[in-house]
Amino acid sequence: MVRPDPSPNDLRPTGASGATGRALDEIDRALLGHLVADARTTNAALAEKVGIAASTCLARVRALRERGVIRGFHADVDPAAVGLPLQAMISVRLQSDARDRLGEFTALVRRLPAVRDVYFVAGADDYLLHVATAGTGALRDLVATLNNHRDVAGTVTSLIFDHVRTAHGV
């Protein structure tokens, strides 16, 4: 069964126990640690690294997916290699009367080709958008599009000079 992405109105904390409430044990955490470092690791190699049978490994990884602990496996594509060398984080603050339209705003920004990730956050801002564009003109146009939206009170753009993904996400 494919799970739909949660809307901001449907975000539920999962905590250390995962999406269904069952606590993660040492083996689950070891599996996750290796998968975060290299999601292309074969089941046999993963089982060997963790010290369990391949059939057990397969069942555990499947269970972690079904419980929503593993949300997916993704290719980490270098934006510059596909013609999008300028990356930025855009903080978005919504109008105070827009709270009942968070889902609409999320749907809008997810459709914008430059938007790579959408974070619904706490604090002075409501959203943090990770974007990649072909250059400053495209970034300016994107920011103008956001600021012209009826629900946006303001934005702050921070350029990304470098990004390093850590391999310890568990």
N, C-alpha and C. Protein backbone atom coordinates (compact mmCIF):
# COMPACT_ATOMS: atom_id res chain seq x y z
N MET A 1 0.84 -1.18 0.00
CA MET A 1 0.00 0.00 0.00
C MET A 1 0.88 1.24 0.00
N VAL A 2 0.64 2.17 -0.89
CA VAL A 2 1.39 3.41 -0.95
C VAL A 2 0.75 4.40 0.00
N ARG A 3 1.56 4.95 0.87
CA ARG A 3 1.05 5.93 1.83
C ARG A 3 1.14 7.32 1.21
N PRO A 4 0.08 8.12 1.31
CA PRO A 4 0.17 9.48 0.81
C PRO A 4 1.05 10.31 1.73
N ASP A 5 1.69 11.36 1.17
CA ASP A 5 2.47 12.25 2.01
C ASP A 5 1.52 12.95 2.97
N PRO A 6 1.93 13.10 4.24
CA PRO A 6 1.05 13.77 5.18
C PRO A 6 0.95 15.26 4.87
N SER A 7 -0.22 15.80 5.09
CA SER A 7 -0.36 17.24 4.96
C SER A 7 0.10 17.84 6.28
N PRO A 8 0.41 19.15 6.31
CA PRO A 8 0.82 19.76 7.57
C PRO A 8 -0.24 19.63 8.65
N ASN A 9 -1.50 19.50 8.25
CA ASN A 9 -2.57 19.34 9.24
C ASN A 9 -2.64 17.92 9.78
N ASP A 10 -1.85 17.00 9.20
CA ASP A 10 -1.90 15.60 9.57
C ASP A 10 -0.55 15.10 10.09
N LEU A 11 0.33 16.03 10.50
CA LEU A 11 1.63 15.61 10.99
C LEU A 11 1.49 15.13 12.42
N ARG A 12 1.96 13.91 12.66
CA ARG A 12 1.89 13.34 14.00
C ARG A 12 3.30 12.98 14.42
N PRO A 13 3.67 13.31 15.66
CA PRO A 13 5.01 12.93 16.10
C PRO A 13 5.13 11.42 16.17
N THR A 14 6.29 10.92 15.74
CA THR A 14 6.50 9.48 15.82
C THR A 14 7.43 9.13 16.96
N GLY A 15 8.28 10.04 17.38
CA GLY A 15 9.17 9.79 18.48
C GLY A 15 10.12 8.64 18.20
N ALA A 16 10.79 8.16 19.24
CA ALA A 16 11.78 7.11 19.09
C ALA A 16 11.14 5.76 18.83
N SER A 17 9.85 5.66 19.03
CA SER A 17 9.19 4.37 18.88
C SER A 17 8.68 4.12 17.47
N GLY A 18 8.87 5.06 16.57
CA GLY A 18 8.44 4.85 15.19
C GLY A 18 6.98 5.18 15.00
N ALA A 19 6.50 4.94 13.78
CA ALA A 19 5.17 5.36 13.39
C ALA A 19 4.07 4.59 14.11
N THR A 20 4.32 3.35 14.52
CA THR A 20 3.25 2.57 15.12
C THR A 20 3.39 2.43 16.63
N GLY A 21 4.40 3.03 17.21
CA GLY A 21 4.54 2.99 18.65
C GLY A 21 5.44 1.89 19.17
N ARG A 22 5.80 0.89 18.35
CA ARG A 22 6.70 -0.17 18.81
C ARG A 22 8.12 0.38 18.85
N ALA A 23 8.79 0.18 19.96
CA ALA A 23 10.15 0.70 20.13
C ALA A 23 11.11 0.02 19.17
N LEU A 24 12.08 0.78 18.71
CA LEU A 24 13.14 0.24 17.87
C LEU A 24 14.17 -0.43 18.76
N ASP A 25 14.59 -1.64 18.39
CA ASP A 25 15.63 -2.30 19.17
C ASP A 25 16.99 -2.05 18.52
N GLU A 26 18.05 -2.64 19.10
CA GLU A 26 19.41 -2.43 18.60
C GLU A 26 19.56 -2.88 17.15
N ILE A 27 18.92 -3.97 16.81
CA ILE A 27 19.04 -4.49 15.43
C ILE A 27 18.36 -3.54 14.45
N ASP A 28 17.15 -3.05 14.80
CA ASP A 28 16.47 -2.08 13.95
C ASP A 28 17.36 -0.85 13.73
N ARG A 29 17.94 -0.34 14.80
CA ARG A 29 18.78 0.86 14.71
C ARG A 29 20.03 0.59 13.87
N ALA A 30 20.60 -0.59 14.02
CA ALA A 30 21.78 -0.94 13.21
C ALA A 30 21.40 -1.02 11.74
N LEU A 31 20.28 -1.65 11.43
CA LEU A 31 19.81 -1.73 10.05
C LEU A 31 19.61 -0.33 9.48
N LEU A 32 18.94 0.52 10.22
CA LEU A 32 18.68 1.88 9.76
C LEU A 32 19.98 2.65 9.55
N GLY A 33 20.92 2.50 10.47
CA GLY A 33 22.20 3.20 10.34
C GLY A 33 22.92 2.82 9.06
N HIS A 34 22.95 1.52 8.75
CA HIS A 34 23.60 1.08 7.52
C HIS A 34 22.84 1.54 6.28
N LEU A 35 21.52 1.53 6.33
CA LEU A 35 20.73 1.97 5.18
C LEU A 35 20.86 3.48 4.96
N VAL A 36 20.97 4.25 6.01
CA VAL A 36 21.17 5.69 5.86
C VAL A 36 22.51 5.95 5.18
N ALA A 37 23.53 5.18 5.56
CA ALA A 37 24.86 5.35 4.97
C ALA A 37 24.87 4.92 3.51
N ASP A 38 24.12 3.86 3.18
CA ASP A 38 24.10 3.36 1.80
C ASP A 38 22.82 2.55 1.59
N ALA A 39 21.80 3.19 1.03
CA ALA A 39 20.51 2.52 0.83
C ALA A 39 20.56 1.46 -0.25
N ARG A 40 21.67 1.42 -1.01
CA ARG A 40 21.80 0.41 -2.07
C ARG A 40 22.45 -0.88 -1.57
N THR A 41 22.77 -0.94 -0.29
CA THR A 41 23.34 -2.15 0.28
C THR A 41 22.42 -3.33 0.02
N THR A 42 22.96 -4.43 -0.44
CA THR A 42 22.12 -5.61 -0.69
C THR A 42 21.64 -6.18 0.64
N ASN A 43 20.57 -6.92 0.57
CA ASN A 43 20.03 -7.56 1.77
C ASN A 43 21.07 -8.48 2.40
N ALA A 44 21.79 -9.25 1.58
CA ALA A 44 22.80 -10.17 2.11
C ALA A 44 23.91 -9.42 2.83
N ALA A 45 24.39 -8.33 2.23
CA ALA A 45 25.46 -7.55 2.86
C ALA A 45 24.96 -6.88 4.14
N LEU A 46 23.73 -6.38 4.10
CA LEU A 46 23.15 -5.75 5.28
C LEU A 46 23.01 -6.75 6.42
N ALA A 47 22.52 -7.93 6.11
CA ALA A 47 22.37 -8.98 7.12
C ALA A 47 23.72 -9.32 7.73
N GLU A 48 24.74 -9.42 6.89
CA GLU A 48 26.08 -9.75 7.38
C GLU A 48 26.63 -8.65 8.29
N LYS A 49 26.45 -7.40 7.89
CA LYS A 49 26.93 -6.27 8.70
C LYS A 49 26.29 -6.24 10.08
N VAL A 50 25.01 -6.62 10.15
CA VAL A 50 24.28 -6.56 11.41
C VAL A 50 24.38 -7.87 12.19
N GLY A 51 24.76 -8.94 11.50
CA GLY A 51 24.92 -10.22 12.17
C GLY A 51 23.64 -11.00 12.34
N ILE A 52 22.76 -10.92 11.33
CA ILE A 52 21.50 -11.68 11.37
C ILE A 52 21.34 -12.44 10.06
N ALA A 53 20.42 -13.37 10.03
CA ALA A 53 20.15 -14.14 8.81
C ALA A 53 19.53 -13.23 7.76
N ALA A 54 19.79 -13.53 6.50
CA ALA A 54 19.25 -12.73 5.40
C ALA A 54 17.73 -12.68 5.43
N SER A 55 17.09 -13.81 5.76
CA SER A 55 15.62 -13.84 5.82
C SER A 55 15.10 -12.94 6.94
N THR A 56 15.80 -12.94 8.06
CA THR A 56 15.42 -12.07 9.18
C THR A 56 15.61 -10.61 8.79
N CYS A 57 16.71 -10.32 8.12
CA CYS A 57 16.99 -8.95 7.67
C CYS A 57 15.89 -8.46 6.74
N LEU A 58 15.52 -9.29 5.77
CA LEU A 58 14.48 -8.92 4.82
C LEU A 58 13.16 -8.64 5.53
N ALA A 59 12.81 -9.49 6.49
CA ALA A 59 11.56 -9.31 7.23
C ALA A 59 11.60 -8.04 8.08
N ARG A 60 12.73 -7.76 8.69
CA ARG A 60 12.83 -6.57 9.54
C ARG A 60 12.77 -5.28 8.71
N VAL A 61 13.46 -5.26 7.57
CA VAL A 61 13.43 -4.07 6.71
C VAL A 61 12.02 -3.87 6.17
N ARG A 62 11.37 -4.94 5.78
CA ARG A 62 9.99 -4.85 5.31
C ARG A 62 9.09 -4.29 6.41
N ALA A 63 9.26 -4.78 7.65
CA ALA A 63 8.45 -4.30 8.77
C ALA A 63 8.72 -2.82 9.05
N LEU A 64 9.97 -2.41 8.95
CA LEU A 64 10.29 -0.99 9.15
C LEU A 64 9.63 -0.12 8.09
N ARG A 65 9.56 -0.61 6.85
CA ARG A 65 8.86 0.13 5.79
C ARG A 65 7.36 0.18 6.08
N GLU A 66 6.77 -0.95 6.43
CA GLU A 66 5.33 -1.02 6.68
C GLU A 66 4.91 -0.15 7.86
N ARG A 67 5.78 -0.05 8.86
CA ARG A 67 5.49 0.78 10.04
C ARG A 67 5.69 2.26 9.77
N GLY A 68 6.28 2.59 8.62
CA GLY A 68 6.51 4.00 8.30
C GLY A 68 7.81 4.54 8.86
N VAL A 69 8.64 3.68 9.45
CA VAL A 69 9.93 4.14 9.95
C VAL A 69 10.83 4.46 8.77
N ILE A 70 10.89 3.57 7.78
CA ILE A 70 11.58 3.85 6.52
C ILE A 70 10.53 4.42 5.58
N ARG A 71 10.69 5.69 5.22
CA ARG A 71 9.70 6.36 4.38
C ARG A 71 9.98 6.20 2.90
N GLY A 72 11.19 5.78 2.54
CA GLY A 72 11.51 5.59 1.13
C GLY A 72 13.00 5.49 0.93
N PHE A 73 13.37 5.20 -0.31
CA PHE A 73 14.76 5.13 -0.71
C PHE A 73 14.91 6.11 -1.87
N HIS A 74 15.93 6.96 -1.81
CA HIS A 74 16.03 8.04 -2.79
C HIS A 74 17.42 8.15 -3.37
N ALA A 75 17.48 8.61 -4.61
CA ALA A 75 18.76 8.95 -5.21
C ALA A 75 19.12 10.37 -4.79
N ASP A 76 20.33 10.58 -4.37
CA ASP A 76 20.81 11.91 -3.98
C ASP A 76 21.48 12.53 -5.20
N VAL A 77 20.71 13.32 -5.96
CA VAL A 77 21.18 13.90 -7.21
C VAL A 77 21.80 15.27 -6.94
N ASP A 78 22.99 15.49 -7.48
CA ASP A 78 23.67 16.77 -7.36
C ASP A 78 22.95 17.79 -8.24
N PRO A 79 22.32 18.82 -7.65
CA PRO A 79 21.58 19.80 -8.47
C PRO A 79 22.45 20.46 -9.54
N ALA A 80 23.70 20.75 -9.21
CA ALA A 80 24.58 21.41 -10.19
C ALA A 80 24.80 20.52 -11.41
N ALA A 81 24.84 19.21 -11.21
CA ALA A 81 25.07 18.29 -12.32
C ALA A 81 23.90 18.24 -13.29
N VAL A 82 22.72 18.69 -12.86
CA VAL A 82 21.55 18.70 -13.73
C VAL A 82 21.13 20.13 -14.08
N GLY A 83 22.10 21.06 -14.00
CA GLY A 83 21.86 22.43 -14.44
C GLY A 83 21.21 23.34 -13.41
N LEU A 84 21.26 22.98 -12.14
CA LEU A 84 20.66 23.81 -11.08
C LEU A 84 21.71 24.11 -10.00
N PRO A 85 22.71 24.94 -10.34
CA PRO A 85 23.83 25.13 -9.43
C PRO A 85 23.57 26.05 -8.23
N LEU A 86 22.50 26.83 -8.27
CA LEU A 86 22.23 27.77 -7.18
C LEU A 86 21.18 27.19 -6.24
N GLN A 87 21.61 26.88 -5.01
CA GLN A 87 20.68 26.35 -4.01
C GLN A 87 20.46 27.39 -2.93
N ALA A 88 19.27 27.35 -2.33
CA ALA A 88 18.95 28.29 -1.26
C ALA A 88 17.93 27.66 -0.33
N MET A 89 17.85 28.23 0.85
CA MET A 89 16.78 27.91 1.80
C MET A 89 15.93 29.18 1.87
N ILE A 90 14.63 29.01 1.68
CA ILE A 90 13.72 30.16 1.74
C ILE A 90 12.78 29.95 2.93
N SER A 91 12.87 30.87 3.89
CA SER A 91 11.95 30.86 5.02
C SER A 91 10.69 31.59 4.60
N VAL A 92 9.54 31.00 4.87
CA VAL A 92 8.26 31.59 4.47
C VAL A 92 7.39 31.79 5.70
N ARG A 93 6.94 33.03 5.88
CA ARG A 93 6.00 33.35 6.96
C ARG A 93 4.65 33.63 6.31
N LEU A 94 3.62 32.93 6.79
CA LEU A 94 2.28 33.09 6.22
C LEU A 94 1.50 34.16 6.96
N GLN A 95 0.47 34.69 6.29
CA GLN A 95 -0.46 35.61 6.93
C GLN A 95 -1.15 34.89 8.09
N SER A 96 -1.50 35.61 9.11
CA SER A 96 -2.12 34.98 10.28
C SER A 96 -3.46 34.33 9.96
N ASP A 97 -4.16 34.81 8.94
CA ASP A 97 -5.46 34.21 8.59
C ASP A 97 -5.34 33.04 7.63
N ALA A 98 -4.12 32.60 7.35
CA ALA A 98 -3.90 31.51 6.38
C ALA A 98 -3.78 30.15 7.04
N ARG A 99 -3.91 30.06 8.34
CA ARG A 99 -3.69 28.81 9.06
C ARG A 99 -4.59 27.67 8.60
N ASP A 100 -5.79 27.99 8.14
CA ASP A 100 -6.70 26.93 7.69
C ASP A 100 -6.44 26.52 6.24
N ARG A 101 -5.43 27.14 5.61
CA ARG A 101 -5.10 26.82 4.22
C ARG A 101 -3.66 26.28 4.09
N LEU A 102 -3.13 25.70 5.15
CA LEU A 102 -1.76 25.18 5.10
C LEU A 102 -1.60 24.09 4.04
N GLY A 103 -2.59 23.23 3.93
CA GLY A 103 -2.54 22.16 2.93
C GLY A 103 -2.47 22.71 1.52
N GLU A 104 -3.23 23.77 1.25
CA GLU A 104 -3.20 24.41 -0.06
C GLU A 104 -1.82 24.96 -0.38
N PHE A 105 -1.21 25.63 0.61
CA PHE A 105 0.10 26.22 0.39
C PHE A 105 1.14 25.12 0.16
N THR A 106 1.07 24.06 0.95
CA THR A 106 2.00 22.95 0.78
C THR A 106 1.86 22.34 -0.61
N ALA A 107 0.64 22.14 -1.05
CA ALA A 107 0.40 21.58 -2.39
C ALA A 107 0.98 22.50 -3.47
N LEU A 108 0.82 23.80 -3.31
CA LEU A 108 1.35 24.75 -4.28
C LEU A 108 2.87 24.66 -4.37
N VAL A 109 3.57 24.73 -3.23
CA VAL A 109 5.03 24.76 -3.28
C VAL A 109 5.61 23.41 -3.73
N ARG A 110 4.91 22.33 -3.45
CA ARG A 110 5.38 21.01 -3.91
C ARG A 110 5.36 20.91 -5.43
N ARG A 111 4.49 21.68 -6.08
CA ARG A 111 4.39 21.65 -7.55
C ARG A 111 5.44 22.54 -8.22
N LEU A 112 6.08 23.41 -7.48
CA LEU A 112 7.08 24.30 -8.08
C LEU A 112 8.35 23.49 -8.38
N PRO A 113 8.80 23.47 -9.64
CA PRO A 113 9.92 22.61 -10.02
C PRO A 113 11.22 22.87 -9.24
N ALA A 114 11.45 24.08 -8.80
CA ALA A 114 12.69 24.41 -8.10
C ALA A 114 12.71 23.90 -6.66
N VAL A 115 11.55 23.59 -6.11
CA VAL A 115 11.47 23.19 -4.71
C VAL A 115 11.85 21.73 -4.55
N ARG A 116 12.91 21.49 -3.77
CA ARG A 116 13.40 20.13 -3.54
C ARG A 116 12.81 19.52 -2.27
N ASP A 117 12.70 20.32 -1.22
CA ASP A 117 12.16 19.85 0.07
C ASP A 117 11.31 20.93 0.69
N VAL A 118 10.25 20.50 1.39
CA VAL A 118 9.36 21.42 2.08
C VAL A 118 9.32 21.02 3.54
N TYR A 119 9.64 21.96 4.42
CA TYR A 119 9.60 21.72 5.86
C TYR A 119 8.57 22.63 6.49
N PHE A 120 7.64 22.07 7.23
CA PHE A 120 6.67 22.83 8.01
C PHE A 120 7.29 22.95 9.39
N VAL A 121 7.59 24.18 9.84
CA VAL A 121 8.41 24.38 11.03
C VAL A 121 7.71 25.23 12.08
N ALA A 122 8.23 25.17 13.29
CA ALA A 122 7.77 26.01 14.38
C ALA A 122 8.68 27.23 14.46
N GLY A 123 8.19 28.29 15.07
CA GLY A 123 8.99 29.50 15.23
C GLY A 123 8.38 30.66 14.49
N ALA A 124 9.20 31.65 14.20
CA ALA A 124 8.71 32.87 13.54
C ALA A 124 8.23 32.59 12.13
N ASP A 125 8.82 31.59 11.47
CA ASP A 125 8.42 31.24 10.11
C ASP A 125 7.58 29.98 10.13
N ASP A 126 6.83 29.77 9.06
CA ASP A 126 5.95 28.61 8.97
C ASP A 126 6.54 27.49 8.12
N TYR A 127 7.29 27.86 7.10
CA TYR A 127 7.87 26.88 6.19
C TYR A 127 9.33 27.21 5.92
N LEU A 128 10.08 26.17 5.62
CA LEU A 128 11.44 26.32 5.14
C LEU A 128 11.51 25.49 3.86
N LEU A 129 11.88 26.14 2.76
CA LEU A 129 11.93 25.49 1.46
C LEU A 129 13.37 25.37 1.00
N HIS A 130 13.78 24.17 0.64
CA HIS A 130 15.09 23.95 0.02
C HIS A 130 14.85 23.99 -1.48
N VAL A 131 15.50 24.92 -2.16
CA VAL A 131 15.28 25.09 -3.59
C VAL A 131 16.60 25.02 -4.35
N ALA A 132 16.52 24.69 -5.63
CA ALA A 132 17.68 24.69 -6.52
C ALA A 132 17.24 25.30 -7.84
N THR A 133 18.01 26.28 -8.32
CA THR A 133 17.66 26.98 -9.55
C THR A 133 18.87 27.08 -10.47
N ALA A 134 18.60 27.49 -11.72
CA ALA A 134 19.66 27.62 -12.72
C ALA A 134 20.53 28.85 -12.47
N GLY A 135 20.02 29.82 -11.74
CA GLY A 135 20.80 31.04 -11.49
C GLY A 135 20.00 32.04 -10.68
N THR A 136 20.58 33.22 -10.52
CA THR A 136 19.96 34.24 -9.68
C THR A 136 18.63 34.74 -10.25
N GLY A 137 18.51 34.81 -11.56
CA GLY A 137 17.25 35.25 -12.16
C GLY A 137 16.11 34.30 -11.83
N ALA A 138 16.37 33.01 -11.94
CA ALA A 138 15.34 32.02 -11.62
C ALA A 138 15.00 32.04 -10.14
N LEU A 139 16.01 32.25 -9.29
CA LEU A 139 15.75 32.34 -7.85
C LEU A 139 14.90 33.58 -7.54
N ARG A 140 15.25 34.71 -8.17
CA ARG A 140 14.47 35.94 -7.97
C ARG A 140 13.01 35.73 -8.39
N ASP A 141 12.79 35.07 -9.53
CA ASP A 141 11.43 34.81 -10.00
C ASP A 141 10.66 33.91 -9.03
N LEU A 142 11.34 32.91 -8.49
CA LEU A 142 10.71 32.01 -7.53
C LEU A 142 10.30 32.77 -6.27
N VAL A 143 11.20 33.59 -5.75
CA VAL A 143 10.90 34.38 -4.55
C VAL A 143 9.75 35.34 -4.83
N ALA A 144 9.74 35.95 -6.01
CA ALA A 144 8.64 36.86 -6.38
C ALA A 144 7.32 36.09 -6.44
N THR A 145 7.34 34.89 -7.01
CA THR A 145 6.13 34.07 -7.08
C THR A 145 5.61 33.78 -5.67
N LEU A 146 6.50 33.42 -4.78
CA LEU A 146 6.09 33.14 -3.40
C LEU A 146 5.52 34.38 -2.74
N ASN A 147 6.21 35.52 -2.87
CA ASN A 147 5.77 36.75 -2.22
C ASN A 147 4.48 37.31 -2.81
N ASN A 148 4.14 36.93 -4.03
CA ASN A 148 2.89 37.38 -4.65
C ASN A 148 1.69 36.51 -4.26
N HIS A 149 1.95 35.41 -3.56
CA HIS A 149 0.86 34.53 -3.13
C HIS A 149 0.08 35.20 -2.00
N ARG A 150 -1.23 35.12 -2.05
CA ARG A 150 -2.11 35.82 -1.09
C ARG A 150 -1.84 35.44 0.35
N ASP A 151 -1.35 34.22 0.61
CA ASP A 151 -1.16 33.78 1.99
C ASP A 151 0.23 34.07 2.54
N VAL A 152 1.14 34.56 1.72
CA VAL A 152 2.52 34.79 2.17
C VAL A 152 2.68 36.20 2.72
N ALA A 153 3.14 36.28 3.98
CA ALA A 153 3.41 37.57 4.60
C ALA A 153 4.83 38.04 4.30
N GLY A 154 5.75 37.11 4.09
CA GLY A 154 7.12 37.49 3.78
C GLY A 154 8.02 36.28 3.65
N THR A 155 9.19 36.51 3.04
CA THR A 155 10.18 35.45 2.86
C THR A 155 11.56 35.98 3.21
N VAL A 156 12.45 35.08 3.56
CA VAL A 156 13.86 35.39 3.74
C VAL A 156 14.63 34.30 3.02
N THR A 157 15.55 34.70 2.14
CA THR A 157 16.31 33.74 1.34
C THR A 157 17.76 33.69 1.80
N SER A 158 18.24 32.47 2.03
CA SER A 158 19.64 32.25 2.40
C SER A 158 20.27 31.34 1.37
N LEU A 159 21.35 31.80 0.75
CA LEU A 159 22.04 30.99 -0.25
C LEU A 159 22.80 29.86 0.44
N ILE A 160 22.86 28.72 -0.24
CA ILE A 160 23.61 27.57 0.26
C ILE A 160 24.92 27.53 -0.50
N PHE A 161 26.03 27.64 0.20
CA PHE A 161 27.35 27.56 -0.43
C PHE A 161 27.80 26.12 -0.59
N ASP A 162 27.47 25.28 0.38
CA ASP A 162 27.87 23.88 0.33
C ASP A 162 26.90 23.08 1.18
N HIS A 163 26.75 21.82 0.84
CA HIS A 163 25.86 20.93 1.58
C HIS A 163 26.57 19.60 1.78
N VAL A 164 26.62 19.12 2.99
CA VAL A 164 27.22 17.83 3.29
C VAL A 164 26.16 16.99 3.98
N ARG A 165 25.85 15.84 3.40
CA ARG A 165 24.87 14.94 4.00
C ARG A 165 25.60 14.04 4.99
N THR A 166 25.07 13.98 6.20
CA THR A 166 25.68 13.10 7.20
C THR A 166 25.14 11.69 7.02
N ALA A 167 25.86 10.73 7.48
CA ALA A 167 25.45 9.32 7.35
C ALA A 167 24.99 8.76 8.68
N HIS A 168 24.65 9.63 9.60
CA HIS A 168 24.21 9.14 10.91
C HIS A 168 22.84 9.69 11.25
N GLY A 169 21.88 9.33 10.43
CA GLY A 169 20.53 9.83 10.61
C GLY A 169 19.69 9.04 11.60
N VAL A 170 20.28 8.08 12.30
CA VAL A 170 19.49 7.28 13.25
C VAL A 170 19.98 7.55 14.65
